[in-house]
Amino acid sequence: MLDTNLKEYIHKAVGVVGVSAGIFGGARVIQNLIPVLRELGLVTIFWDVNFTTVGTRFDESGNLLDESFLPRIGAFLDELLWMAETLGHGREHVAIRDSP
């Protein structure tokens, strides 16, 4: 699925959220997905969010039960929005030079 919109990915911001039933919260998947995202032209942010033991983090309706995640989620979203805005400005105002 990731390779279906290649032109739309160039210089777009992306953040990754890992979820797992175990204690790593998808960290291994994130570690391996970041180079793939970069190769597709996406720009990854510095923050990620890892939900460990996901069965205990959300209720049946999907509401977050553990508020200790909120500061990290906030930092993640702030960075994602900043990067998206910065890249949007760049795409509109800075021409990319052709490769030699």
N, C-alpha and C. Protein backbone atom coordinates (compact mmCIF):
# COMPACT_ATOMS: atom_id res chain seq x y z
N MET A 1 0.82 -1.19 0.00
CA MET A 1 0.00 0.00 0.00
C MET A 1 0.86 1.26 0.00
N LEU A 2 2.00 1.22 0.67
CA LEU A 2 2.82 2.42 0.77
C LEU A 2 3.31 2.94 -0.58
N ASP A 3 3.45 2.08 -1.55
CA ASP A 3 3.99 2.53 -2.83
C ASP A 3 2.92 2.93 -3.84
N THR A 4 1.70 3.19 -3.40
CA THR A 4 0.63 3.54 -4.33
C THR A 4 0.52 5.04 -4.59
N ASN A 5 1.13 5.87 -3.76
CA ASN A 5 1.00 7.33 -3.90
C ASN A 5 2.36 8.01 -3.83
N LEU A 6 3.32 7.50 -4.54
CA LEU A 6 4.70 7.98 -4.41
C LEU A 6 4.84 9.48 -4.65
N LYS A 7 4.21 10.03 -5.67
CA LYS A 7 4.34 11.46 -5.95
C LYS A 7 3.78 12.31 -4.82
N GLU A 8 2.75 11.83 -4.17
CA GLU A 8 2.14 12.59 -3.08
C GLU A 8 2.98 12.59 -1.81
N TYR A 9 3.92 11.67 -1.68
CA TYR A 9 4.72 11.55 -0.47
C TYR A 9 5.90 12.52 -0.40
N ILE A 10 6.37 13.00 -1.54
CA ILE A 10 7.61 13.76 -1.57
C ILE A 10 7.52 14.98 -0.66
N HIS A 11 8.44 15.03 0.29
CA HIS A 11 8.56 16.13 1.25
C HIS A 11 7.29 16.34 2.08
N LYS A 12 6.66 15.25 2.48
CA LYS A 12 5.52 15.31 3.39
C LYS A 12 5.94 14.75 4.74
N ALA A 13 5.42 15.32 5.79
CA ALA A 13 5.77 14.90 7.15
C ALA A 13 5.04 13.61 7.52
N VAL A 14 5.73 12.78 8.29
CA VAL A 14 5.12 11.55 8.77
C VAL A 14 5.64 11.25 10.18
N GLY A 15 4.74 10.79 11.02
CA GLY A 15 5.10 10.31 12.34
C GLY A 15 4.59 8.89 12.48
N VAL A 16 5.25 8.12 13.32
CA VAL A 16 4.89 6.70 13.44
C VAL A 16 4.51 6.40 14.89
N VAL A 17 3.40 5.69 15.04
CA VAL A 17 2.94 5.24 16.34
C VAL A 17 3.04 3.73 16.37
N GLY A 18 3.75 3.20 17.36
CA GLY A 18 3.89 1.76 17.51
C GLY A 18 2.92 1.23 18.56
N VAL A 19 2.37 0.08 18.29
CA VAL A 19 1.41 -0.55 19.19
C VAL A 19 1.75 -2.03 19.28
N SER A 20 1.80 -2.54 20.49
CA SER A 20 2.02 -3.98 20.62
C SER A 20 1.43 -4.49 21.94
N ALA A 21 1.23 -5.77 21.97
CA ALA A 21 0.74 -6.41 23.20
C ALA A 21 1.87 -6.59 24.20
N GLY A 22 3.11 -6.48 23.75
CA GLY A 22 4.27 -6.69 24.61
C GLY A 22 4.83 -5.39 25.17
N ILE A 23 6.09 -5.49 25.61
CA ILE A 23 6.70 -4.37 26.31
C ILE A 23 7.46 -3.40 25.41
N PHE A 24 7.60 -3.71 24.11
CA PHE A 24 8.37 -2.85 23.23
C PHE A 24 7.53 -1.82 22.48
N GLY A 25 6.24 -1.96 22.47
CA GLY A 25 5.36 -0.97 21.87
C GLY A 25 5.61 -0.71 20.40
N GLY A 26 5.99 -1.73 19.67
CA GLY A 26 6.21 -1.57 18.24
C GLY A 26 7.54 -0.94 17.88
N ALA A 27 8.45 -0.81 18.83
CA ALA A 27 9.74 -0.15 18.59
C ALA A 27 10.51 -0.81 17.45
N ARG A 28 10.46 -2.11 17.37
CA ARG A 28 11.20 -2.81 16.31
C ARG A 28 10.60 -2.54 14.93
N VAL A 29 9.30 -2.45 14.87
CA VAL A 29 8.64 -2.13 13.60
C VAL A 29 9.00 -0.71 13.19
N ILE A 30 8.94 0.22 14.13
CA ILE A 30 9.29 1.61 13.82
C ILE A 30 10.72 1.69 13.32
N GLN A 31 11.62 1.04 14.00
CA GLN A 31 13.04 1.05 13.63
C GLN A 31 13.24 0.59 12.19
N ASN A 32 12.48 -0.40 11.76
CA ASN A 32 12.62 -0.92 10.41
C ASN A 32 11.79 -0.16 9.38
N LEU A 33 10.76 0.53 9.81
CA LEU A 33 9.89 1.26 8.89
C LEU A 33 10.46 2.63 8.52
N ILE A 34 11.21 3.27 9.41
CA ILE A 34 11.74 4.61 9.16
C ILE A 34 12.55 4.68 7.85
N PRO A 35 13.51 3.77 7.60
CA PRO A 35 14.24 3.86 6.33
C PRO A 35 13.34 3.69 5.10
N VAL A 36 12.32 2.88 5.21
CA VAL A 36 11.38 2.68 4.10
C VAL A 36 10.63 3.98 3.83
N LEU A 37 10.16 4.63 4.88
CA LEU A 37 9.44 5.89 4.72
C LEU A 37 10.32 6.95 4.08
N ARG A 38 11.56 7.02 4.51
CA ARG A 38 12.50 7.99 3.93
C ARG A 38 12.74 7.69 2.45
N GLU A 39 12.87 6.44 2.10
CA GLU A 39 13.09 6.06 0.71
C GLU A 39 11.90 6.45 -0.17
N LEU A 40 10.71 6.46 0.40
CA LEU A 40 9.51 6.84 -0.33
C LEU A 40 9.39 8.36 -0.50
N GLY A 41 10.27 9.11 0.17
CA GLY A 41 10.24 10.57 0.05
C GLY A 41 9.60 11.28 1.22
N LEU A 42 9.13 10.53 2.19
CA LEU A 42 8.52 11.14 3.37
C LEU A 42 9.60 11.64 4.31
N VAL A 43 9.26 12.62 5.13
CA VAL A 43 10.20 13.16 6.10
C VAL A 43 9.70 12.78 7.49
N THR A 44 10.45 11.94 8.16
CA THR A 44 10.02 11.46 9.47
C THR A 44 10.36 12.47 10.55
N ILE A 45 9.47 12.58 11.53
CA ILE A 45 9.73 13.47 12.66
C ILE A 45 10.59 12.73 13.68
N PHE A 46 11.08 13.47 14.66
CA PHE A 46 11.99 12.90 15.65
C PHE A 46 11.28 12.12 16.74
N TRP A 47 10.03 12.43 16.98
CA TRP A 47 9.28 11.76 18.04
C TRP A 47 8.51 10.57 17.47
N ASP A 48 8.32 9.57 18.27
CA ASP A 48 7.35 8.52 17.98
C ASP A 48 6.67 8.19 19.30
N VAL A 49 5.57 7.51 19.20
CA VAL A 49 4.81 7.10 20.39
C VAL A 49 4.71 5.59 20.36
N ASN A 50 5.00 4.97 21.48
CA ASN A 50 4.95 3.52 21.59
C ASN A 50 3.94 3.13 22.66
N PHE A 51 2.91 2.45 22.26
CA PHE A 51 1.92 1.95 23.22
C PHE A 51 2.25 0.50 23.55
N THR A 52 2.82 0.29 24.72
CA THR A 52 3.14 -1.05 25.19
C THR A 52 1.89 -1.67 25.80
N THR A 53 1.87 -2.97 25.92
CA THR A 53 0.74 -3.71 26.50
C THR A 53 -0.58 -3.00 26.18
N VAL A 54 -0.84 -2.88 24.90
CA VAL A 54 -1.94 -2.06 24.40
C VAL A 54 -3.30 -2.46 24.98
N GLY A 55 -3.46 -3.71 25.36
CA GLY A 55 -4.74 -4.14 25.92
C GLY A 55 -5.10 -3.45 27.23
N THR A 56 -4.11 -2.87 27.88
CA THR A 56 -4.37 -2.16 29.15
C THR A 56 -4.37 -0.65 28.97
N ARG A 57 -4.12 -0.16 27.78
CA ARG A 57 -3.99 1.29 27.56
C ARG A 57 -5.25 1.97 27.08
N PHE A 58 -6.18 1.18 26.53
CA PHE A 58 -7.41 1.75 25.97
C PHE A 58 -8.62 0.96 26.47
N ASP A 59 -9.76 1.64 26.57
CA ASP A 59 -10.99 0.93 26.94
C ASP A 59 -11.64 0.37 25.68
N GLU A 60 -12.83 -0.23 25.82
CA GLU A 60 -13.52 -0.88 24.70
C GLU A 60 -13.88 0.10 23.59
N SER A 61 -14.02 1.39 23.92
CA SER A 61 -14.38 2.40 22.93
C SER A 61 -13.16 3.07 22.30
N GLY A 62 -11.97 2.66 22.72
CA GLY A 62 -10.75 3.24 22.17
C GLY A 62 -10.23 4.45 22.91
N ASN A 63 -10.80 4.74 24.07
CA ASN A 63 -10.34 5.89 24.86
C ASN A 63 -9.09 5.52 25.63
N LEU A 64 -8.15 6.45 25.65
CA LEU A 64 -6.89 6.24 26.35
C LEU A 64 -7.14 6.21 27.86
N LEU A 65 -6.64 5.18 28.52
CA LEU A 65 -6.83 5.03 29.96
C LEU A 65 -5.66 5.58 30.78
N ASP A 66 -4.49 5.61 30.19
CA ASP A 66 -3.28 6.01 30.91
C ASP A 66 -2.86 7.41 30.48
N GLU A 67 -3.14 8.40 31.32
CA GLU A 67 -2.85 9.79 30.97
C GLU A 67 -1.36 10.13 30.97
N SER A 68 -0.53 9.21 31.42
CA SER A 68 0.91 9.47 31.38
C SER A 68 1.44 9.53 29.94
N PHE A 69 0.65 9.06 28.99
CA PHE A 69 1.03 9.12 27.58
C PHE A 69 0.77 10.49 26.97
N LEU A 70 -0.07 11.31 27.60
CA LEU A 70 -0.48 12.58 27.00
C LEU A 70 0.67 13.53 26.69
N PRO A 71 1.66 13.72 27.58
CA PRO A 71 2.77 14.61 27.20
C PRO A 71 3.53 14.14 25.96
N ARG A 72 3.75 12.85 25.85
CA ARG A 72 4.47 12.32 24.69
C ARG A 72 3.62 12.46 23.43
N ILE A 73 2.34 12.20 23.54
CA ILE A 73 1.44 12.38 22.39
C ILE A 73 1.42 13.84 21.97
N GLY A 74 1.38 14.74 22.95
CA GLY A 74 1.40 16.17 22.66
C GLY A 74 2.66 16.59 21.93
N ALA A 75 3.82 16.12 22.40
CA ALA A 75 5.10 16.44 21.75
C ALA A 75 5.13 15.87 20.33
N PHE A 76 4.62 14.66 20.17
CA PHE A 76 4.54 14.01 18.86
C PHE A 76 3.71 14.85 17.89
N LEU A 77 2.52 15.25 18.32
CA LEU A 77 1.64 16.02 17.44
C LEU A 77 2.19 17.41 17.16
N ASP A 78 2.79 18.05 18.16
CA ASP A 78 3.40 19.37 17.94
C ASP A 78 4.50 19.28 16.89
N GLU A 79 5.37 18.27 17.01
CA GLU A 79 6.46 18.09 16.05
C GLU A 79 5.92 17.77 14.65
N LEU A 80 4.90 16.92 14.59
CA LEU A 80 4.32 16.56 13.29
C LEU A 80 3.71 17.79 12.61
N LEU A 81 2.98 18.59 13.35
CA LEU A 81 2.37 19.80 12.77
C LEU A 81 3.43 20.81 12.35
N TRP A 82 4.48 20.97 13.18
CA TRP A 82 5.55 21.89 12.83
C TRP A 82 6.23 21.44 11.54
N MET A 83 6.55 20.16 11.46
CA MET A 83 7.23 19.64 10.28
C MET A 83 6.35 19.77 9.05
N ALA A 84 5.07 19.48 9.18
CA ALA A 84 4.15 19.58 8.05
C ALA A 84 4.06 21.03 7.56
N GLU A 85 3.99 21.96 8.48
CA GLU A 85 3.92 23.38 8.10
C GLU A 85 5.22 23.84 7.45
N THR A 86 6.34 23.45 8.02
CA THR A 86 7.65 23.83 7.49
C THR A 86 7.86 23.26 6.10
N LEU A 87 7.55 21.99 5.92
CA LEU A 87 7.70 21.38 4.61
C LEU A 87 6.73 21.97 3.60
N GLY A 88 5.52 22.30 4.05
CA GLY A 88 4.55 22.94 3.15
C GLY A 88 5.07 24.27 2.64
N HIS A 89 5.65 25.04 3.54
CA HIS A 89 6.25 26.32 3.14
C HIS A 89 7.37 26.07 2.13
N GLY A 90 8.21 25.09 2.40
CA GLY A 90 9.31 24.78 1.49
C GLY A 90 8.82 24.35 0.12
N ARG A 91 7.80 23.50 0.09
CA ARG A 91 7.28 23.04 -1.20
C ARG A 91 6.72 24.21 -2.02
N GLU A 92 6.15 25.20 -1.35
CA GLU A 92 5.54 26.33 -2.04
C GLU A 92 6.56 27.41 -2.46
N HIS A 93 7.64 27.57 -1.69
CA HIS A 93 8.51 28.72 -1.88
C HIS A 93 9.96 28.42 -2.25
N VAL A 94 10.37 27.19 -2.19
CA VAL A 94 11.77 26.86 -2.47
C VAL A 94 11.82 25.84 -3.59
N ALA A 95 12.44 26.24 -4.68
CA ALA A 95 12.56 25.33 -5.82
C ALA A 95 13.64 24.29 -5.55
N ILE A 96 13.39 23.09 -6.01
CA ILE A 96 14.37 22.01 -5.90
C ILE A 96 15.20 22.02 -7.17
N ARG A 97 16.50 22.05 -7.01
CA ARG A 97 17.40 22.04 -8.16
C ARG A 97 17.43 20.65 -8.78
N ASP A 98 17.56 20.64 -10.09
CA ASP A 98 17.70 19.35 -10.78
C ASP A 98 19.05 18.74 -10.46
N SER A 99 19.08 17.42 -10.37
CA SER A 99 20.34 16.72 -10.13
C SER A 99 21.22 16.78 -11.37
N PRO A 100 22.54 16.84 -11.19
CA PRO A 100 23.43 16.88 -12.36
C PRO A 100 23.45 15.56 -13.10
